[in-house]
């Protein structure tokens, strides 16, 4: 089963992306994505959607 999560920028804290992940994973999803507010690529961390 997959759940929907939001990805939050690690620097400015804005929620920029929404994606899905497996429900039974223990670690939070971390991806390097582009942040339009910071105008650069930053580490994005999973938060509740």
PDB file of N, CA and C in Angstrom:
ATOM      1  N   UNK A   1       0.843  -1.183   0.000  1.00  0.00           N
ATOM      2  CA  UNK A   1       0.000   0.000   0.000  1.00  0.00           C
ATOM      3  C   UNK A   1       0.886   1.242   0.000  1.00  0.00           C
ATOM      4  N   UNK A   2       0.516   2.248  -0.779  1.00  0.00           N
ATOM      5  CA  UNK A   2       1.289   3.473  -0.874  1.00  0.00           C
ATOM      6  C   UNK A   2       0.528   4.622  -0.216  1.00  0.00           C
ATOM      7  N   UNK A   3       1.274   5.547   0.383  1.00  0.00           N
ATOM      8  CA  UNK A   3       0.671   6.725   1.002  1.00  0.00           C
ATOM      9  C   UNK A   3       1.246   7.976   0.342  1.00  0.00           C
ATOM     10  N   UNK A   4       0.476   9.070   0.365  1.00  0.00           N
ATOM     11  CA  UNK A   4       0.928  10.316  -0.220  1.00  0.00           C
ATOM     12  C   UNK A   4       1.688  11.123   0.826  1.00  0.00           C
ATOM     13  N   UNK A   5       2.845  11.685   0.426  1.00  0.00           N
ATOM     14  CA  UNK A   5       3.654  12.504   1.313  1.00  0.00           C
ATOM     15  C   UNK A   5       4.050  13.782   0.583  1.00  0.00           C
ATOM     16  N   UNK A   6       4.386  14.806   1.342  1.00  0.00           N
ATOM     17  CA  UNK A   6       4.882  16.062   0.792  1.00  0.00           C
ATOM     18  C   UNK A   6       6.384  16.125   1.023  1.00  0.00           C
ATOM     19  N   UNK A   7       7.090  16.823   0.136  1.00  0.00           N
ATOM     20  CA  UNK A   7       8.529  17.022   0.298  1.00  0.00           C
ATOM     21  C   UNK A   7       8.774  18.484   0.639  1.00  0.00           C
ATOM     22  N   UNK A   8       9.448  18.707   1.781  1.00  0.00           N
ATOM     23  CA  UNK A   8       9.703  20.051   2.296  1.00  0.00           C
ATOM     24  C   UNK A   8      11.169  20.403   2.112  1.00  0.00           C
ATOM     25  N   UNK A   9      11.452  21.614   1.659  1.00  0.00           N
ATOM     26  CA  UNK A   9      12.823  22.082   1.475  1.00  0.00           C
ATOM     27  C   UNK A   9      13.542  22.130   2.825  1.00  0.00           C
ATOM     28  N   UNK A  10      14.766  21.646   2.869  1.00  0.00           N
ATOM     29  CA  UNK A  10      15.537  21.633   4.104  1.00  0.00           C
ATOM     30  C   UNK A  10      16.053  22.997   4.511  1.00  0.00           C
ATOM     31  N   UNK A  11      16.149  23.940   3.580  1.00  0.00           N
ATOM     32  CA  UNK A  11      16.672  25.272   3.895  1.00  0.00           C
ATOM     33  C   UNK A  11      15.574  26.280   4.242  1.00  0.00           C
ATOM     34  N   UNK A  12      14.569  26.430   3.357  1.00  0.00           N
ATOM     35  CA  UNK A  12      13.544  27.454   3.601  1.00  0.00           C
ATOM     36  C   UNK A  12      12.269  26.890   4.214  1.00  0.00           C
ATOM     37  N   UNK A  13      12.034  25.570   4.106  1.00  0.00           N
ATOM     38  CA  UNK A  13      10.892  24.936   4.754  1.00  0.00           C
ATOM     39  C   UNK A  13       9.593  24.948   3.969  1.00  0.00           C
ATOM     40  N   UNK A  14       9.615  25.351   2.693  1.00  0.00           N
ATOM     41  CA  UNK A  14       8.381  25.337   1.903  1.00  0.00           C
ATOM     42  C   UNK A  14       8.113  23.950   1.339  1.00  0.00           C
ATOM     43  N   UNK A  15       6.827  23.589   1.247  1.00  0.00           N
ATOM     44  CA  UNK A  15       6.434  22.314   0.650  1.00  0.00           C
ATOM     45  C   UNK A  15       6.323  22.512  -0.852  1.00  0.00           C
ATOM     46  N   UNK A  16       7.223  21.881  -1.619  1.00  0.00           N
ATOM     47  CA  UNK A  16       7.279  22.098  -3.054  1.00  0.00           C
ATOM     48  C   UNK A  16       6.767  20.931  -3.871  1.00  0.00           C
ATOM     49  N   UNK A  17       6.859  19.711  -3.371  1.00  0.00           N
ATOM     50  CA  UNK A  17       6.533  18.526  -4.162  1.00  0.00           C
ATOM     51  C   UNK A  17       5.662  17.563  -3.357  1.00  0.00           C
ATOM     52  N   UNK A  18       4.846  16.782  -4.079  1.00  0.00           N
ATOM     53  CA  UNK A  18       4.031  15.736  -3.484  1.00  0.00           C
ATOM     54  C   UNK A  18       4.316  14.438  -4.226  1.00  0.00           C
ATOM     55  N   UNK A  19       4.470  13.344  -3.496  1.00  0.00           N
ATOM     56  CA  UNK A  19       4.777  12.052  -4.094  1.00  0.00           C
ATOM     57  C   UNK A  19       4.182  10.950  -3.227  1.00  0.00           C
ATOM     58  N   UNK A  20       4.397   9.699  -3.615  1.00  0.00           N
ATOM     59  CA  UNK A  20       3.921   8.571  -2.820  1.00  0.00           C
ATOM     60  C   UNK A  20       5.098   7.696  -2.423  1.00  0.00           C
ATOM     61  N   UNK A  21       4.907   6.936  -1.353  1.00  0.00           N
ATOM     62  CA  UNK A  21       5.931   5.995  -0.902  1.00  0.00           C
ATOM     63  C   UNK A  21       5.249   4.806  -0.254  1.00  0.00           C
ATOM     64  N   UNK A  22       6.011   3.732  -0.058  1.00  0.00           N
ATOM     65  CA  UNK A  22       5.484   2.539   0.604  1.00  0.00           C
ATOM     66  C   UNK A  22       5.179   2.856   2.071  1.00  0.00           C
ATOM     67  N   UNK A  23       4.099   2.330   2.581  1.00  0.00           N
ATOM     68  CA  UNK A  23       3.674   2.620   3.949  1.00  0.00           C
ATOM     69  C   UNK A  23       4.597   1.994   4.993  1.00  0.00           C
ATOM     70  N   UNK A  24       5.192   0.837   4.712  1.00  0.00           N
ATOM     71  CA  UNK A  24       5.956   0.114   5.727  1.00  0.00           C
ATOM     72  C   UNK A  24       7.427   0.523   5.815  1.00  0.00           C
ATOM     73  N   UNK A  25       7.852   1.595   5.156  1.00  0.00           N
ATOM     74  CA  UNK A  25       9.243   2.066   5.267  1.00  0.00           C
ATOM     75  C   UNK A  25       9.442   2.772   6.606  1.00  0.00           C
ATOM     76  N   UNK A  26      10.613   2.566   7.218  1.00  0.00           N
ATOM     77  CA  UNK A  26      10.880   3.166   8.528  1.00  0.00           C
ATOM     78  C   UNK A  26      11.540   4.535   8.415  1.00  0.00           C
ATOM     79  N   UNK A  27      12.381   4.748   7.390  1.00  0.00           N
ATOM     80  CA  UNK A  27      13.074   6.020   7.242  1.00  0.00           C
ATOM     81  C   UNK A  27      12.252   6.999   6.423  1.00  0.00           C
ATOM     82  N   UNK A  28      12.467   8.295   6.676  1.00  0.00           N
ATOM     83  CA  UNK A  28      11.808   9.329   5.895  1.00  0.00           C
ATOM     84  C   UNK A  28      12.488   9.438   4.532  1.00  0.00           C
ATOM     85  N   UNK A  29      11.700   9.746   3.532  1.00  0.00           N
ATOM     86  CA  UNK A  29      12.200   9.903   2.177  1.00  0.00           C
ATOM     87  C   UNK A  29      12.981  11.207   2.073  1.00  0.00           C
ATOM     88  N   UNK A  30      14.178  11.162   1.485  1.00  0.00           N
ATOM     89  CA  UNK A  30      15.005  12.357   1.283  1.00  0.00           C
ATOM     90  C   UNK A  30      15.476  12.372  -0.162  1.00  0.00           C
ATOM     91  N   UNK A  31      15.161  13.458  -0.864  1.00  0.00           N
ATOM     92  CA  UNK A  31      15.553  13.613  -2.258  1.00  0.00           C
ATOM     93  C   UNK A  31      16.161  14.984  -2.478  1.00  0.00           C
ATOM     94  N   UNK A  32      17.064  15.068  -3.431  1.00  0.00           N
ATOM     95  CA  UNK A  32      17.653  16.349  -3.803  1.00  0.00           C
ATOM     96  C   UNK A  32      16.846  16.897  -4.977  1.00  0.00           C
ATOM     97  N   UNK A  33      16.071  17.960  -4.724  1.00  0.00           N
ATOM     98  CA  UNK A  33      15.160  18.532  -5.715  1.00  0.00           C
ATOM     99  C   UNK A  33      15.399  20.031  -5.833  1.00  0.00           C
ATOM    100  N   UNK A  34      14.830  20.627  -6.894  1.00  0.00           N
ATOM    101  CA  UNK A  34      14.942  22.064  -7.120  1.00  0.00           C
ATOM    102  C   UNK A  34      13.908  22.810  -6.280  1.00  0.00           C
ATOM    103  N   UNK A  35      14.334  23.851  -5.589  1.00  0.00           N
ATOM    104  CA  UNK A  35      13.435  24.696  -4.803  1.00  0.00           C
ATOM    105  C   UNK A  35      13.310  26.048  -5.511  1.00  0.00           C
ATOM    106  N   UNK A  36      12.108  26.400  -5.986  1.00  0.00           N
ATOM    107  CA  UNK A  36      11.951  27.675  -6.679  1.00  0.00           C
ATOM    108  C   UNK A  36      12.122  28.891  -5.767  1.00  0.00           C
ATOM    109  N   UNK A  37      11.862  28.750  -4.485  1.00  0.00           N
ATOM    110  CA  UNK A  37      12.024  29.877  -3.563  1.00  0.00           C
ATOM    111  C   UNK A  37      13.503  30.159  -3.294  1.00  0.00           C
ATOM    112  N   UNK A  38      14.301  29.095  -3.113  1.00  0.00           N
ATOM    113  CA  UNK A  38      15.744  29.249  -2.891  1.00  0.00           C
ATOM    114  C   UNK A  38      16.497  29.445  -4.211  1.00  0.00           C
ATOM    115  N   UNK A  39      15.862  29.071  -5.328  1.00  0.00           N
ATOM    116  CA  UNK A  39      16.442  29.169  -6.666  1.00  0.00           C
ATOM    117  C   UNK A  39      17.679  28.288  -6.830  1.00  0.00           C
ATOM    118  N   UNK A  40      17.665  27.099  -6.202  1.00  0.00           N
ATOM    119  CA  UNK A  40      18.763  26.143  -6.333  1.00  0.00           C
ATOM    120  C   UNK A  40      18.292  24.756  -5.911  1.00  0.00           C
ATOM    121  N   UNK A  41      19.118  23.751  -6.148  1.00  0.00           N
ATOM    122  CA  UNK A  41      18.811  22.388  -5.723  1.00  0.00           C
ATOM    123  C   UNK A  41      19.180  22.232  -4.249  1.00  0.00           C
ATOM    124  N   UNK A  42      18.231  21.690  -3.466  1.00  0.00           N
ATOM    125  CA  UNK A  42      18.437  21.493  -2.031  1.00  0.00           C
ATOM    126  C   UNK A  42      17.908  20.124  -1.629  1.00  0.00           C
ATOM    127  N   UNK A  43      18.240  19.700  -0.428  1.00  0.00           N
ATOM    128  CA  UNK A  43      17.739  18.436   0.126  1.00  0.00           C
ATOM    129  C   UNK A  43      16.294  18.644   0.556  1.00  0.00           C
ATOM    130  N   UNK A  44      15.383  17.796   0.089  1.00  0.00           N
ATOM    131  CA  UNK A  44      13.972  17.854   0.476  1.00  0.00           C
ATOM    132  C   UNK A  44      13.655  16.624   1.317  1.00  0.00           C
ATOM    133  N   UNK A  45      12.928  16.822   2.418  1.00  0.00           N
ATOM    134  CA  UNK A  45      12.621  15.767   3.383  1.00  0.00           C
ATOM    135  C   UNK A  45      11.115  15.537   3.408  1.00  0.00           C
ATOM    136  N   UNK A  46      10.729  14.301   3.632  1.00  0.00           N
ATOM    137  CA  UNK A  46       9.317  13.917   3.699  1.00  0.00           C
ATOM    138  C   UNK A  46       8.607  14.536   4.899  1.00  0.00           C
ATOM    139  N   UNK A  47       7.389  15.034   4.661  1.00  0.00           N
ATOM    140  CA  UNK A  47       6.502  15.511   5.718  1.00  0.00           C
ATOM    141  C   UNK A  47       5.101  14.990   5.411  1.00  0.00           C
ATOM    142  N   UNK A  48       4.158  15.226   6.297  1.00  0.00           N
ATOM    143  CA  UNK A  48       2.774  14.811   6.058  1.00  0.00           C
ATOM    144  C   UNK A  48       2.153  15.669   4.965  1.00  0.00           C
ATOM    145  N   UNK A  49       1.352  15.043   4.133  1.00  0.00           N
ATOM    146  CA  UNK A  49       0.711  15.773   3.020  1.00  0.00           C
ATOM    147  C   UNK A  49      -0.500  16.543   3.473  1.00  0.00           C
TER     148      UNK A  49
END
